[in-house]
Amino acid sequence: MPLEAFKTSDPLTLGVELELQLVSLSNLDLIDASPDMLNLLGRHPFPGNVVPEITESMIEISTGIHTDHGGLLAQLKQIRDALVTAGDLLNVGVCGGGTHPFQQWSERKIF
């Protein structure tokens, strides 16, 4: 199956996409909280896009397309604030993607 053609875009635009881990604030281990987090975030307009990632202990966020860093930074701050507010209600921390130091892959639930 051939790949879809790339969409054209204006030159010199910026956007951010991040895969984020969800951790329990009581033990800092990954927690299967993405269904609850997505439900909570879906109750109000979200300042970007948030979707599930491969496991229930991860989410993916993305910004819109920007032509200047000031607008991008402002949107990232709004996204951060929305994630922190939702995380506080769920007792869940949000941290950068990558390798979690002590999680067990076999214990993760696929979204």
Protein backbone atom coordinates (compact mmCIF):
# COMPACT_ATOMS: atom_id res chain seq x y z
CA MET A 1 0.00 0.00 0.00
CA PRO A 2 1.54 3.35 -1.02
CA LEU A 3 1.97 6.16 1.48
CA GLU A 4 -0.32 9.16 1.30
CA ALA A 5 1.17 12.23 -0.30
CA PHE A 6 2.57 14.78 2.13
CA LYS A 7 0.47 17.90 2.54
CA THR A 8 2.14 21.13 1.59
CA SER A 9 2.67 23.72 4.30
CA ASP A 10 3.81 27.26 4.57
CA PRO A 11 7.58 27.65 5.00
CA LEU A 12 9.10 28.27 8.42
CA THR A 13 6.24 27.00 10.55
CA LEU A 14 6.49 25.39 13.99
CA GLY A 15 4.55 22.74 15.87
CA VAL A 16 5.17 20.37 18.76
CA GLU A 17 4.11 16.76 19.32
CA LEU A 18 5.02 14.98 22.56
CA GLU A 19 4.42 11.52 23.95
CA LEU A 20 3.99 11.82 27.71
CA GLN A 21 3.99 9.28 30.52
CA LEU A 22 1.41 9.24 33.30
CA VAL A 23 2.76 8.37 36.73
CA SER A 24 1.17 7.81 40.11
CA LEU A 25 2.07 10.60 42.51
CA SER A 26 2.17 8.10 45.38
CA ASN A 27 4.91 5.81 43.99
CA LEU A 28 6.01 7.44 40.68
CA ASP A 29 5.34 4.21 38.76
CA LEU A 30 3.46 4.35 35.48
CA ILE A 31 -0.30 4.28 35.99
CA ASP A 32 -3.03 3.23 33.56
CA ALA A 33 -4.74 6.60 33.79
CA SER A 34 -5.06 7.75 30.18
CA PRO A 35 -8.78 6.81 29.85
CA ASP A 36 -9.59 8.93 32.93
CA MET A 37 -7.23 11.72 31.86
CA LEU A 38 -8.70 11.87 28.33
CA ASN A 39 -12.24 11.82 29.74
CA LEU A 40 -11.46 14.68 32.11
CA LEU A 41 -9.64 16.73 29.46
CA GLY A 42 -12.52 16.18 27.05
CA ARG A 43 -14.96 18.00 29.34
CA HIS A 44 -13.52 21.40 28.42
CA PRO A 45 -11.95 22.83 25.28
CA PHE A 46 -8.32 21.66 25.13
CA PRO A 47 -5.78 24.20 23.82
CA GLY A 48 -4.24 21.70 21.39
CA ASN A 49 -4.83 18.06 20.61
CA VAL A 50 -4.61 15.16 23.06
CA VAL A 51 -4.98 11.51 22.06
CA PRO A 52 -4.18 8.07 23.47
CA GLU A 53 -0.74 6.57 22.95
CA ILE A 54 0.16 2.89 22.70
CA THR A 55 -0.39 2.11 26.40
CA GLU A 56 -2.91 3.36 28.94
CA SER A 57 -0.06 4.95 30.87
CA MET A 58 0.73 7.39 28.04
CA ILE A 59 -0.91 10.22 26.09
CA GLU A 60 0.19 12.26 23.10
CA ILE A 61 -0.27 16.01 22.88
CA SER A 62 0.26 18.29 19.92
CA THR A 63 0.00 21.98 19.20
CA GLY A 64 -1.37 23.75 16.21
CA ILE A 65 0.85 25.11 13.46
CA HIS A 66 2.53 28.41 14.33
CA THR A 67 4.54 30.99 12.46
CA ASP A 68 6.26 32.40 15.54
CA HIS A 69 7.69 30.96 18.74
CA GLY A 70 5.63 33.29 20.96
CA GLY A 71 2.33 31.78 19.85
CA LEU A 72 3.72 28.26 20.15
CA LEU A 73 5.05 28.93 23.65
CA ALA A 74 1.72 30.41 24.75
CA GLN A 75 -0.15 27.33 23.52
CA LEU A 76 2.32 24.98 25.22
CA LYS A 77 1.79 26.82 28.51
CA GLN A 78 -1.98 26.44 28.15
CA ILE A 79 -1.56 22.71 27.40
CA ARG A 80 0.72 22.34 30.43
CA ASP A 81 -1.78 24.08 32.67
CA ALA A 82 -4.66 21.87 31.46
CA LEU A 83 -2.58 18.70 32.00
CA VAL A 84 -1.47 19.76 35.49
CA THR A 85 -5.04 20.65 36.52
CA ALA A 86 -6.38 17.29 35.28
CA GLY A 87 -3.45 15.43 36.83
CA ASP A 88 -4.04 17.09 40.21
CA LEU A 89 -7.65 15.90 40.18
CA LEU A 90 -6.55 12.34 39.37
CA ASN A 91 -3.41 12.28 41.57
CA VAL A 92 -1.40 11.68 38.39
CA GLY A 93 1.85 13.30 37.31
CA VAL A 94 2.76 13.94 33.70
CA CYS A 95 6.36 13.48 32.61
CA GLY A 96 8.36 13.32 29.42
CA GLY A 97 8.36 10.20 27.31
CA GLY A 98 11.25 7.83 26.98
CA THR A 99 12.17 4.96 29.23
CA HIS A 100 10.69 4.80 32.70
CA PRO A 101 13.37 3.66 35.16
CA PHE A 102 11.49 0.82 36.86
CA GLN A 103 8.31 0.01 34.95
CA GLN A 104 7.66 -3.52 33.68
CA TRP A 105 6.54 -3.57 30.04
CA SER A 106 4.58 -6.80 30.60
CA GLU A 107 2.38 -4.95 33.14
CA ARG A 108 1.31 -2.22 30.69
CA LYS A 109 -2.18 -2.25 29.20
CA ILE A 110 -2.38 -1.56 25.47
CA PHE A 111 -4.85 1.24 24.76
